[in-house]
Amino acid sequence: MVESTSLALLPLIAGMLVMVARFYAREGAISIFSVSFLLATLAVLMLIGYMVLTVLGILPAYAWVGFGGVGLLMTLGGIWSFYR
């Protein structure tokens, strides 16, 4: 496994922060069932899952591609939704 795979989590962390910012700024933090809140919660659960799988040593070799890809999609989607 590549030693810098944790850098792939940066888009996931950025996606979580964008969704949280969108939840407060755009939706007024009115409902925990809003899409932004649910996606931010999903990002946190994915980060916890990544850390648990890494510690247990059962993380697949290229799992960082999936985690980073989901994070990149969340980041770009969240930024895009601010401007539409």
N, C-alpha and C. Protein backbone atom coordinates (compact mmCIF):
# COMPACT_ATOMS: atom_id res chain seq x y z
N MET A 1 0.84 -1.17 0.00
CA MET A 1 0.00 0.00 0.00
C MET A 1 0.89 1.24 0.00
N VAL A 2 0.44 2.25 -0.66
CA VAL A 2 1.19 3.50 -0.73
C VAL A 2 1.11 4.20 0.62
N GLU A 3 2.21 4.75 1.06
CA GLU A 3 2.25 5.37 2.39
C GLU A 3 1.49 6.70 2.46
N SER A 4 1.23 7.34 1.32
CA SER A 4 0.56 8.64 1.34
C SER A 4 -0.93 8.52 1.03
N THR A 5 -1.52 7.37 1.25
CA THR A 5 -2.93 7.20 0.94
C THR A 5 -3.83 8.03 1.85
N SER A 6 -3.32 8.41 3.00
CA SER A 6 -4.15 9.26 3.87
C SER A 6 -4.37 10.63 3.26
N LEU A 7 -3.54 11.04 2.31
CA LEU A 7 -3.77 12.30 1.61
C LEU A 7 -5.03 12.24 0.77
N ALA A 8 -5.46 11.05 0.41
CA ALA A 8 -6.70 10.90 -0.35
C ALA A 8 -7.91 11.25 0.49
N LEU A 9 -7.74 11.32 1.79
CA LEU A 9 -8.85 11.70 2.66
C LEU A 9 -9.10 13.21 2.66
N LEU A 10 -8.16 13.99 2.15
CA LEU A 10 -8.35 15.44 2.12
C LEU A 10 -9.60 15.86 1.36
N PRO A 11 -9.91 15.28 0.18
CA PRO A 11 -11.16 15.66 -0.47
C PRO A 11 -12.39 15.28 0.36
N LEU A 12 -12.32 14.17 1.07
CA LEU A 12 -13.44 13.76 1.91
C LEU A 12 -13.62 14.72 3.08
N ILE A 13 -12.54 15.15 3.67
CA ILE A 13 -12.61 16.14 4.75
C ILE A 13 -13.12 17.47 4.22
N ALA A 14 -12.62 17.88 3.06
CA ALA A 14 -13.10 19.13 2.45
C ALA A 14 -14.58 19.03 2.10
N GLY A 15 -15.00 17.88 1.59
CA GLY A 15 -16.42 17.68 1.28
C GLY A 15 -17.29 17.79 2.51
N MET A 16 -16.81 17.22 3.62
CA MET A 16 -17.57 17.31 4.86
C MET A 16 -17.68 18.76 5.31
N LEU A 17 -16.59 19.51 5.23
CA LEU A 17 -16.62 20.90 5.64
C LEU A 17 -17.52 21.75 4.75
N VAL A 18 -17.51 21.48 3.44
CA VAL A 18 -18.37 22.21 2.51
C VAL A 18 -19.84 21.90 2.81
N MET A 19 -20.15 20.64 3.08
CA MET A 19 -21.54 20.28 3.37
C MET A 19 -22.01 20.90 4.69
N VAL A 20 -21.14 20.95 5.67
CA VAL A 20 -21.50 21.58 6.94
C VAL A 20 -21.70 23.08 6.73
N ALA A 21 -20.81 23.72 5.97
CA ALA A 21 -20.97 25.15 5.69
C ALA A 21 -22.25 25.41 4.93
N ARG A 22 -22.56 24.54 3.97
CA ARG A 22 -23.80 24.70 3.20
C ARG A 22 -25.01 24.50 4.10
N PHE A 23 -24.92 23.57 5.03
CA PHE A 23 -26.02 23.30 5.95
C PHE A 23 -26.34 24.54 6.79
N TYR A 24 -25.31 25.22 7.26
CA TYR A 24 -25.54 26.40 8.10
C TYR A 24 -25.84 27.64 7.28
N ALA A 25 -25.12 27.86 6.20
CA ALA A 25 -25.26 29.10 5.44
C ALA A 25 -26.49 29.11 4.54
N ARG A 26 -26.71 28.04 3.84
CA ARG A 26 -27.76 28.05 2.82
C ARG A 26 -29.09 27.52 3.34
N GLU A 27 -29.05 26.50 4.17
CA GLU A 27 -30.29 25.88 4.63
C GLU A 27 -30.69 26.34 6.02
N GLY A 28 -29.88 27.17 6.64
CA GLY A 28 -30.22 27.73 7.93
C GLY A 28 -30.21 26.73 9.07
N ALA A 29 -29.64 25.58 8.88
CA ALA A 29 -29.55 24.54 9.91
C ALA A 29 -30.92 24.24 10.51
N ILE A 30 -31.92 24.09 9.64
CA ILE A 30 -33.29 23.94 10.14
C ILE A 30 -33.70 22.49 10.36
N SER A 31 -33.04 21.55 9.72
CA SER A 31 -33.48 20.17 9.83
C SER A 31 -32.30 19.22 9.75
N ILE A 32 -32.32 18.23 10.63
CA ILE A 32 -31.24 17.24 10.56
C ILE A 32 -31.48 16.26 9.42
N PHE A 33 -32.61 16.36 8.76
CA PHE A 33 -32.89 15.49 7.62
C PHE A 33 -32.62 16.17 6.29
N SER A 34 -31.92 17.31 6.31
CA SER A 34 -31.55 17.97 5.06
C SER A 34 -30.44 17.18 4.39
N VAL A 35 -30.34 17.34 3.09
CA VAL A 35 -29.34 16.60 2.31
C VAL A 35 -27.93 16.94 2.77
N SER A 36 -27.65 18.20 3.02
CA SER A 36 -26.31 18.61 3.43
C SER A 36 -25.89 17.96 4.74
N PHE A 37 -26.81 17.94 5.69
CA PHE A 37 -26.49 17.34 6.98
C PHE A 37 -26.25 15.84 6.84
N LEU A 38 -27.08 15.19 6.07
CA LEU A 38 -26.93 13.75 5.88
C LEU A 38 -25.63 13.40 5.16
N LEU A 39 -25.25 14.22 4.17
CA LEU A 39 -23.98 13.97 3.46
C LEU A 39 -22.79 14.24 4.36
N ALA A 40 -22.87 15.27 5.21
CA ALA A 40 -21.79 15.53 6.15
C ALA A 40 -21.67 14.38 7.15
N THR A 41 -22.80 13.85 7.59
CA THR A 41 -22.79 12.70 8.49
C THR A 41 -22.20 11.48 7.80
N LEU A 42 -22.55 11.27 6.53
CA LEU A 42 -21.97 10.18 5.77
C LEU A 42 -20.45 10.32 5.66
N ALA A 43 -19.98 11.55 5.45
CA ALA A 43 -18.54 11.78 5.34
C ALA A 43 -17.84 11.44 6.65
N VAL A 44 -18.44 11.83 7.77
CA VAL A 44 -17.83 11.49 9.07
C VAL A 44 -17.80 9.99 9.27
N LEU A 45 -18.89 9.31 8.93
CA LEU A 45 -18.92 7.85 9.06
C LEU A 45 -17.89 7.18 8.16
N MET A 46 -17.69 7.72 6.96
CA MET A 46 -16.68 7.18 6.06
C MET A 46 -15.27 7.38 6.63
N LEU A 47 -15.02 8.55 7.22
CA LEU A 47 -13.71 8.79 7.83
C LEU A 47 -13.46 7.84 8.99
N ILE A 48 -14.48 7.62 9.82
CA ILE A 48 -14.34 6.68 10.93
C ILE A 48 -14.11 5.27 10.40
N GLY A 49 -14.86 4.89 9.36
CA GLY A 49 -14.68 3.57 8.75
C GLY A 49 -13.29 3.39 8.18
N TYR A 50 -12.77 4.42 7.54
CA TYR A 50 -11.42 4.36 6.97
C TYR A 50 -10.39 4.15 8.08
N MET A 51 -10.54 4.91 9.17
CA MET A 51 -9.59 4.79 10.27
C MET A 51 -9.67 3.40 10.92
N VAL A 52 -10.88 2.89 11.11
CA VAL A 52 -11.04 1.56 11.73
C VAL A 52 -10.44 0.49 10.83
N LEU A 53 -10.73 0.55 9.53
CA LEU A 53 -10.18 -0.44 8.61
C LEU A 53 -8.66 -0.37 8.54
N THR A 54 -8.11 0.84 8.64
CA THR A 54 -6.65 1.00 8.62
C THR A 54 -6.03 0.40 9.88
N VAL A 55 -6.63 0.70 11.02
CA VAL A 55 -6.09 0.18 12.28
C VAL A 55 -6.17 -1.34 12.33
N LEU A 56 -7.26 -1.91 11.85
CA LEU A 56 -7.42 -3.36 11.85
C LEU A 56 -6.58 -4.03 10.76
N GLY A 57 -6.09 -3.25 9.82
CA GLY A 57 -5.24 -3.79 8.75
C GLY A 57 -6.01 -4.51 7.66
N ILE A 58 -7.30 -4.24 7.53
CA ILE A 58 -8.11 -4.92 6.51
C ILE A 58 -8.58 -3.97 5.41
N LEU A 59 -7.94 -2.82 5.33
CA LEU A 59 -8.28 -1.87 4.27
C LEU A 59 -7.72 -2.38 2.95
N PRO A 60 -8.56 -2.53 1.92
CA PRO A 60 -8.05 -2.98 0.62
C PRO A 60 -7.00 -2.02 0.06
N ALA A 61 -6.17 -2.52 -0.81
CA ALA A 61 -5.03 -1.74 -1.30
C ALA A 61 -5.43 -0.43 -1.97
N TYR A 62 -6.48 -0.44 -2.75
CA TYR A 62 -6.85 0.78 -3.47
C TYR A 62 -8.16 1.37 -2.96
N ALA A 63 -8.46 1.17 -1.70
CA ALA A 63 -9.68 1.74 -1.10
C ALA A 63 -9.61 3.26 -1.07
N TRP A 64 -8.40 3.81 -1.01
CA TRP A 64 -8.26 5.26 -0.96
C TRP A 64 -8.82 5.92 -2.20
N VAL A 65 -8.84 5.20 -3.33
CA VAL A 65 -9.41 5.76 -4.55
C VAL A 65 -10.91 5.99 -4.36
N GLY A 66 -11.60 5.04 -3.77
CA GLY A 66 -13.02 5.17 -3.51
C GLY A 66 -13.32 6.27 -2.51
N PHE A 67 -12.59 6.28 -1.40
CA PHE A 67 -12.81 7.30 -0.38
C PHE A 67 -12.50 8.69 -0.93
N GLY A 68 -11.39 8.81 -1.63
CA GLY A 68 -11.03 10.11 -2.22
C GLY A 68 -11.99 10.54 -3.31
N GLY A 69 -12.47 9.59 -4.11
CA GLY A 69 -13.42 9.91 -5.17
C GLY A 69 -14.74 10.40 -4.63
N VAL A 70 -15.24 9.73 -3.61
CA VAL A 70 -16.49 10.17 -2.98
C VAL A 70 -16.30 11.56 -2.37
N GLY A 71 -15.17 11.77 -1.73
CA GLY A 71 -14.89 13.08 -1.15
C GLY A 71 -14.80 14.17 -2.20
N LEU A 72 -14.16 13.87 -3.32
CA LEU A 72 -14.05 14.85 -4.40
C LEU A 72 -15.42 15.19 -4.97
N LEU A 73 -16.26 14.18 -5.16
CA LEU A 73 -17.62 14.42 -5.65
C LEU A 73 -18.43 15.26 -4.66
N MET A 74 -18.29 14.98 -3.37
CA MET A 74 -19.00 15.76 -2.36
C MET A 74 -18.51 17.20 -2.33
N THR A 75 -17.21 17.38 -2.44
CA THR A 75 -16.65 18.74 -2.43
C THR A 75 -17.13 19.53 -3.64
N LEU A 76 -16.99 18.96 -4.82
CA LEU A 76 -17.40 19.67 -6.03
C LEU A 76 -18.90 19.90 -6.07
N GLY A 77 -19.68 18.90 -5.66
CA GLY A 77 -21.13 19.07 -5.62
C GLY A 77 -21.57 20.12 -4.64
N GLY A 78 -20.94 20.17 -3.48
CA GLY A 78 -21.28 21.19 -2.49
C GLY A 78 -20.93 22.59 -2.95
N ILE A 79 -19.76 22.74 -3.55
CA ILE A 79 -19.37 24.05 -4.07
C ILE A 79 -20.27 24.46 -5.21
N TRP A 80 -20.59 23.52 -6.09
CA TRP A 80 -21.46 23.82 -7.22
C TRP A 80 -22.85 24.27 -6.75
N SER A 81 -23.35 23.64 -5.69
CA SER A 81 -24.70 23.97 -5.22
C SER A 81 -24.75 25.36 -4.59
N PHE A 82 -23.62 25.90 -4.14
CA PHE A 82 -23.61 27.26 -3.62
C PHE A 82 -23.91 28.27 -4.72
N TYR A 83 -23.53 27.96 -5.95
CA TYR A 83 -23.61 28.93 -7.03
C TYR A 83 -24.76 28.71 -7.99
N ARG A 84 -25.65 27.80 -7.71
CA ARG A 84 -26.77 27.60 -8.63
C ARG A 84 -28.02 28.25 -8.12
